[in-house]
Amino acid sequence: MSKKILVATDGSAESDRALDRAAEVAAGEGAEVLVINVAEDFCPVGLVELDVSTVAAIIKKESEGILSAAMKRLQGKGVKVQGRIEHGSPADMIVDVATREKVDAIIIAAHGKHGVKKLALGSVSARVVEWAPCMVTVVK
């Protein structure tokens, strides 16, 4: 059975470092990488249906671009990679996918696009470390 590594990306420079670390680990262990982007749910208070559709389309397009770039980055390093977009709370979805896919490890950035540098870990990475069903490597 081959090993599987989950890496989440939000398109930030920090998550690019997590992708690079995943590529190193995958190459060393002959592992496959499952890269995900989590499109966060949003609360469309006060928006009409057309506006909600427009926002959803923008979020989808952004997620597709982020995922495509991440997969190209890993493929360029010779890594066997699968990718998918998930929807919901990033920490919840990362843990959920890791559980469903029975991954051996998660590699995640300490901070993403919304990270606050003064905190030891971002809220997403801290929750993933706490709830994950497997080993988690946090990349700074």
C-alpha atoms as a PDB file:
ATOM      1  CA  MET A   1       0.000   0.000   0.000  1.00  0.00           C
ATOM      2  CA  SER A   2       1.434   3.341  -0.997  1.00  0.00           C
ATOM      3  CA  LYS A   3       1.516   6.275   1.354  1.00  0.00           C
ATOM      4  CA  LYS A   4      -0.752   9.261   0.870  1.00  0.00           C
ATOM      5  CA  ILE A   5      -0.028  12.809   1.981  1.00  0.00           C
ATOM      6  CA  LEU A   6      -2.691  15.510   2.189  1.00  0.00           C
ATOM      7  CA  VAL A   7      -1.646  19.093   1.637  1.00  0.00           C
ATOM      8  CA  ALA A   8      -4.074  22.000   1.732  1.00  0.00           C
ATOM      9  CA  THR A   9      -3.422  25.155  -0.235  1.00  0.00           C
ATOM     10  CA  ASP A  10      -4.991  28.592  -0.320  1.00  0.00           C
ATOM     11  CA  GLY A  11      -2.627  29.975  -2.944  1.00  0.00           C
ATOM     12  CA  SER A  12      -0.493  31.911  -0.451  1.00  0.00           C
ATOM     13  CA  ALA A  13       3.318  31.902  -0.385  1.00  0.00           C
ATOM     14  CA  GLU A  14       3.086  30.065   2.931  1.00  0.00           C
ATOM     15  CA  SER A  15       1.024  27.249   1.438  1.00  0.00           C
ATOM     16  CA  ASP A  16       3.470  27.092  -1.507  1.00  0.00           C
ATOM     17  CA  ARG A  17       6.149  26.209   1.065  1.00  0.00           C
ATOM     18  CA  ALA A  18       3.861  23.440   2.359  1.00  0.00           C
ATOM     19  CA  LEU A  19       3.484  22.149  -1.223  1.00  0.00           C
ATOM     20  CA  ASP A  20       7.266  22.114  -1.633  1.00  0.00           C
ATOM     21  CA  ARG A  21       7.666  20.202   1.635  1.00  0.00           C
ATOM     22  CA  ALA A  22       5.008  17.714   0.527  1.00  0.00           C
ATOM     23  CA  ALA A  23       6.925  17.193  -2.732  1.00  0.00           C
ATOM     24  CA  GLU A  24      10.131  16.489  -0.790  1.00  0.00           C
ATOM     25  CA  VAL A  25       8.418  13.996   1.516  1.00  0.00           C
ATOM     26  CA  ALA A  26       6.543  12.322  -1.344  1.00  0.00           C
ATOM     27  CA  ALA A  27       9.735  11.910  -3.364  1.00  0.00           C
ATOM     28  CA  GLY A  28      11.564  10.425  -0.389  1.00  0.00           C
ATOM     29  CA  GLU A  29       8.790   7.997   0.523  1.00  0.00           C
ATOM     30  CA  GLY A  30       7.278   7.258  -2.875  1.00  0.00           C
ATOM     31  CA  ALA A  31       4.015   8.750  -1.644  1.00  0.00           C
ATOM     32  CA  GLU A  32       1.085  10.184  -3.553  1.00  0.00           C
ATOM     33  CA  VAL A  33      -0.058  13.713  -2.713  1.00  0.00           C
ATOM     34  CA  LEU A  34      -3.697  14.711  -2.411  1.00  0.00           C
ATOM     35  CA  VAL A  35      -3.857  18.491  -2.660  1.00  0.00           C
ATOM     36  CA  ILE A  36      -7.049  20.288  -1.694  1.00  0.00           C
ATOM     37  CA  ASN A  37      -8.344  23.811  -1.709  1.00  0.00           C
ATOM     38  CA  VAL A  38     -11.233  24.580   0.604  1.00  0.00           C
ATOM     39  CA  ALA A  39     -13.678  27.144  -0.726  1.00  0.00           C
ATOM     40  CA  GLU A  40     -15.017  28.717   2.430  1.00  0.00           C
ATOM     41  CA  ASP A  41     -18.721  29.068   2.936  1.00  0.00           C
ATOM     42  CA  PHE A  42     -19.941  32.625   3.001  1.00  0.00           C
ATOM     43  CA  CYS A  43     -23.005  34.202   4.531  1.00  0.00           C
ATOM     44  CA  PRO A  44     -24.775  36.278   1.879  1.00  0.00           C
ATOM     45  CA  VAL A  45     -26.740  38.524   4.238  1.00  0.00           C
ATOM     46  CA  GLY A  46     -28.542  41.176   2.239  1.00  0.00           C
ATOM     47  CA  LEU A  47     -27.525  39.835  -1.176  1.00  0.00           C
ATOM     48  CA  VAL A  48     -30.061  39.070  -3.835  1.00  0.00           C
ATOM     49  CA  GLU A  49     -29.971  35.690  -5.591  1.00  0.00           C
ATOM     50  CA  LEU A  50     -28.052  37.070  -8.590  1.00  0.00           C
ATOM     51  CA  ASP A  51     -25.354  38.458  -6.305  1.00  0.00           C
ATOM     52  CA  VAL A  52     -25.060  35.109  -4.496  1.00  0.00           C
ATOM     53  CA  SER A  53     -24.566  33.320  -7.829  1.00  0.00           C
ATOM     54  CA  THR A  54     -21.935  35.851  -8.872  1.00  0.00           C
ATOM     55  CA  VAL A  55     -20.007  35.490  -5.608  1.00  0.00           C
ATOM     56  CA  ALA A  56     -20.212  31.680  -5.808  1.00  0.00           C
ATOM     57  CA  ALA A  57     -18.854  31.768  -9.377  1.00  0.00           C
ATOM     58  CA  ILE A  58     -15.964  34.012  -8.318  1.00  0.00           C
ATOM     59  CA  ILE A  59     -15.095  31.708  -5.405  1.00  0.00           C
ATOM     60  CA  LYS A  60     -15.242  28.648  -7.685  1.00  0.00           C
ATOM     61  CA  LYS A  61     -12.983  30.255 -10.292  1.00  0.00           C
ATOM     62  CA  GLU A  62     -10.474  31.314  -7.641  1.00  0.00           C
ATOM     63  CA  SER A  63     -10.413  27.809  -6.123  1.00  0.00           C
ATOM     64  CA  GLU A  64      -9.925  26.207  -9.534  1.00  0.00           C
ATOM     65  CA  GLY A  65      -6.975  28.525 -10.249  1.00  0.00           C
ATOM     66  CA  ILE A  66      -5.359  27.841  -6.876  1.00  0.00           C
ATOM     67  CA  LEU A  67      -5.770  24.084  -7.248  1.00  0.00           C
ATOM     68  CA  SER A  68      -4.485  24.064 -10.830  1.00  0.00           C
ATOM     69  CA  ALA A  69      -1.362  26.027  -9.875  1.00  0.00           C
ATOM     70  CA  ALA A  70      -0.687  23.738  -6.908  1.00  0.00           C
ATOM     71  CA  MET A  71      -1.048  20.598  -9.006  1.00  0.00           C
ATOM     72  CA  LYS A  72       1.276  21.983 -11.706  1.00  0.00           C
ATOM     73  CA  ARG A  73       3.825  22.887  -9.022  1.00  0.00           C
ATOM     74  CA  LEU A  74       3.805  19.314  -7.676  1.00  0.00           C
ATOM     75  CA  GLN A  75       3.715  17.645 -11.094  1.00  0.00           C
ATOM     76  CA  GLY A  76       6.697  19.790 -12.080  1.00  0.00           C
ATOM     77  CA  LYS A  77       8.602  18.133  -9.242  1.00  0.00           C
ATOM     78  CA  GLY A  78       7.654  14.655 -10.500  1.00  0.00           C
ATOM     79  CA  VAL A  79       5.080  13.986  -7.777  1.00  0.00           C
ATOM     80  CA  LYS A  80       2.037  11.776  -8.333  1.00  0.00           C
ATOM     81  CA  VAL A  81      -0.813  14.096  -7.388  1.00  0.00           C
ATOM     82  CA  GLN A  82      -4.584  14.210  -7.163  1.00  0.00           C
ATOM     83  CA  GLY A  83      -6.522  17.374  -6.480  1.00  0.00           C
ATOM     84  CA  ARG A  84      -9.949  18.460  -5.401  1.00  0.00           C
ATOM     85  CA  ILE A  85     -11.928  21.401  -4.198  1.00  0.00           C
ATOM     86  CA  GLU A  86     -13.875  21.043  -0.968  1.00  0.00           C
ATOM     87  CA  HIS A  87     -16.476  23.422   0.437  1.00  0.00           C
ATOM     88  CA  GLY A  88     -16.885  24.456   4.051  1.00  0.00           C
ATOM     89  CA  SER A  89     -14.745  25.371   7.014  1.00  0.00           C
ATOM     90  CA  PRO A  90     -11.061  24.831   6.085  1.00  0.00           C
ATOM     91  CA  ALA A  91     -10.017  23.076   9.304  1.00  0.00           C
ATOM     92  CA  ASP A  92     -13.093  20.855   9.348  1.00  0.00           C
ATOM     93  CA  MET A  93     -12.721  19.883   5.700  1.00  0.00           C
ATOM     94  CA  ILE A  94      -8.982  19.158   5.956  1.00  0.00           C
ATOM     95  CA  VAL A  95      -9.601  16.814   8.890  1.00  0.00           C
ATOM     96  CA  ASP A  96     -12.654  15.282   7.197  1.00  0.00           C
ATOM     97  CA  VAL A  97     -10.788  14.556   3.952  1.00  0.00           C
ATOM     98  CA  ALA A  98      -7.809  13.167   5.876  1.00  0.00           C
ATOM     99  CA  THR A  99     -10.149  10.829   7.727  1.00  0.00           C
ATOM    100  CA  ARG A 100     -12.152   9.732   4.663  1.00  0.00           C
ATOM    101  CA  GLU A 101      -9.046   9.194   2.527  1.00  0.00           C
ATOM    102  CA  LYS A 102      -7.091   7.525   5.339  1.00  0.00           C
ATOM    103  CA  VAL A 103      -4.041   9.679   4.627  1.00  0.00           C
ATOM    104  CA  ASP A 104      -0.781   8.945   6.389  1.00  0.00           C
ATOM    105  CA  ALA A 105       0.137  12.585   6.965  1.00  0.00           C
ATOM    106  CA  ILE A 106      -1.065  16.153   6.543  1.00  0.00           C
ATOM    107  CA  ILE A 107       1.279  18.968   5.595  1.00  0.00           C
ATOM    108  CA  ILE A 108      -0.104  22.453   6.179  1.00  0.00           C
ATOM    109  CA  ALA A 109       1.186  26.017   6.359  1.00  0.00           C
ATOM    110  CA  ALA A 110       1.339  27.660   9.775  1.00  0.00           C
ATOM    111  CA  HIS A 111      -0.468  30.652   8.282  1.00  0.00           C
ATOM    112  CA  GLY A 112      -2.376  31.128   5.065  1.00  0.00           C
ATOM    113  CA  LYS A 113      -3.840  34.154   3.353  1.00  0.00           C
ATOM    114  CA  HIS A 114      -5.561  35.258   6.537  1.00  0.00           C
ATOM    115  CA  GLY A 115      -2.773  34.308   8.962  1.00  0.00           C
ATOM    116  CA  VAL A 116      -1.745  36.550  11.804  1.00  0.00           C
ATOM    117  CA  LYS A 117       2.011  36.396  12.213  1.00  0.00           C
ATOM    118  CA  LYS A 118       1.990  37.213  15.924  1.00  0.00           C
ATOM    119  CA  LEU A 119       0.132  34.007  16.786  1.00  0.00           C
ATOM    120  CA  ALA A 120       2.105  30.781  17.192  1.00  0.00           C
ATOM    121  CA  LEU A 121      -0.126  28.963  14.710  1.00  0.00           C
ATOM    122  CA  GLY A 122      -2.989  30.127  12.571  1.00  0.00           C
ATOM    123  CA  SER A 123      -6.427  29.067  13.715  1.00  0.00           C
ATOM    124  CA  VAL A 124      -6.812  26.582  10.830  1.00  0.00           C
ATOM    125  CA  SER A 125      -3.457  24.891  11.393  1.00  0.00           C
ATOM    126  CA  ALA A 126      -3.954  24.785  15.176  1.00  0.00           C
ATOM    127  CA  ARG A 127      -7.325  23.073  14.793  1.00  0.00           C
ATOM    128  CA  VAL A 128      -5.955  20.614  12.224  1.00  0.00           C
ATOM    129  CA  VAL A 129      -3.121  19.675  14.594  1.00  0.00           C
ATOM    130  CA  GLU A 130      -5.639  19.126  17.400  1.00  0.00           C
ATOM    131  CA  TRP A 131      -8.223  17.126  15.442  1.00  0.00           C
ATOM    132  CA  ALA A 132      -6.256  15.275  12.748  1.00  0.00           C
ATOM    133  CA  PRO A 133      -6.387  11.470  12.630  1.00  0.00           C
ATOM    134  CA  CYS A 134      -2.747  11.300  11.538  1.00  0.00           C
ATOM    135  CA  MET A 135       0.629  12.994  11.788  1.00  0.00           C
ATOM    136  CA  VAL A 136       0.619  16.714  10.913  1.00  0.00           C
ATOM    137  CA  THR A 137       3.616  18.726   9.752  1.00  0.00           C
ATOM    138  CA  VAL A 138       3.213  22.490  10.053  1.00  0.00           C
ATOM    139  CA  VAL A 139       5.461  24.440   7.690  1.00  0.00           C
ATOM    140  CA  LYS A 140       6.587  27.996   8.495  1.00  0.00           C
END
